């Protein structure tokens, strides 16, 4: 997994979690869903990169 992709995946996950928790505290359901989607996208990006890395080894 390249360092750039690893950072991008982690950043998406952290930003998504932050947005989701802030929206939950402010009772903004739509924004909370968008944060959860961003967090999930970061998690999937990380999983994809880990799978690519394991296939190369």
Protein backbone atom coordinates (compact mmCIF):
# COMPACT_ATOMS: atom_id res chain seq x y z
CA UNK A 1 0.00 0.00 0.00
CA UNK A 2 1.51 3.28 -1.03
CA UNK A 3 1.98 5.89 1.64
CA UNK A 4 -0.19 8.39 -0.22
CA UNK A 5 -3.13 6.02 -0.47
CA UNK A 6 -2.72 5.00 3.18
CA UNK A 7 -2.86 8.65 4.26
CA UNK A 8 -5.85 9.34 2.02
CA UNK A 9 -7.77 6.36 3.43
CA UNK A 10 -7.00 7.31 7.03
CA UNK A 11 -7.91 10.95 6.41
CA UNK A 12 -11.28 10.02 4.90
CA UNK A 13 -12.00 7.74 7.82
CA UNK A 14 -11.09 10.37 10.43
CA UNK A 15 -12.95 13.20 8.69
CA UNK A 16 -16.00 11.00 8.22
CA UNK A 17 -16.04 10.00 11.87
CA UNK A 18 -15.64 13.63 12.97
CA UNK A 19 -18.45 14.83 10.69
CA UNK A 20 -20.70 11.98 11.79
CA UNK A 21 -20.19 12.66 15.50
CA UNK A 22 -20.59 16.44 15.13
CA UNK A 23 -23.77 16.00 13.10
CA UNK A 24 -25.13 13.53 15.63
CA UNK A 25 -24.55 16.05 18.41
CA UNK A 26 -26.34 18.75 16.39
CA UNK A 27 -29.19 16.37 15.41
CA UNK A 28 -28.49 16.72 11.69
CA UNK A 29 -29.46 13.32 10.28
CA UNK A 30 -28.56 14.04 6.65
CA UNK A 31 -25.09 15.29 7.51
CA UNK A 32 -24.64 12.35 9.87
CA UNK A 33 -25.38 9.95 7.01
CA UNK A 34 -22.89 11.76 4.77
CA UNK A 35 -20.23 11.48 7.47
CA UNK A 36 -20.94 7.78 7.89
CA UNK A 37 -20.64 7.30 4.12
CA UNK A 38 -17.32 9.13 4.05
CA UNK A 39 -16.05 7.05 6.94
CA UNK A 40 -17.12 3.84 5.19
CA UNK A 41 -15.43 4.96 1.98
CA UNK A 42 -12.19 5.48 3.89
CA UNK A 43 -12.48 2.05 5.45
CA UNK A 44 -13.10 0.41 2.06
CA UNK A 45 -10.21 2.30 0.46
CA UNK A 46 -7.93 1.01 3.23
CA UNK A 47 -9.21 -2.55 2.80
CA UNK A 48 -8.65 -2.37 -0.96
CA UNK A 49 -5.09 -1.16 -0.52
CA UNK A 50 -4.36 -3.87 2.07
CA UNK A 51 -5.68 -6.51 -0.33
CA UNK A 52 -3.55 -5.15 -3.15
CA UNK A 53 -0.54 -5.24 -0.86
CA UNK A 54 -1.13 -8.83 0.20
CA UNK A 55 -1.46 -9.98 -3.42
CA UNK A 56 1.86 -8.39 -4.35
CA UNK A 57 3.74 -10.19 -1.59
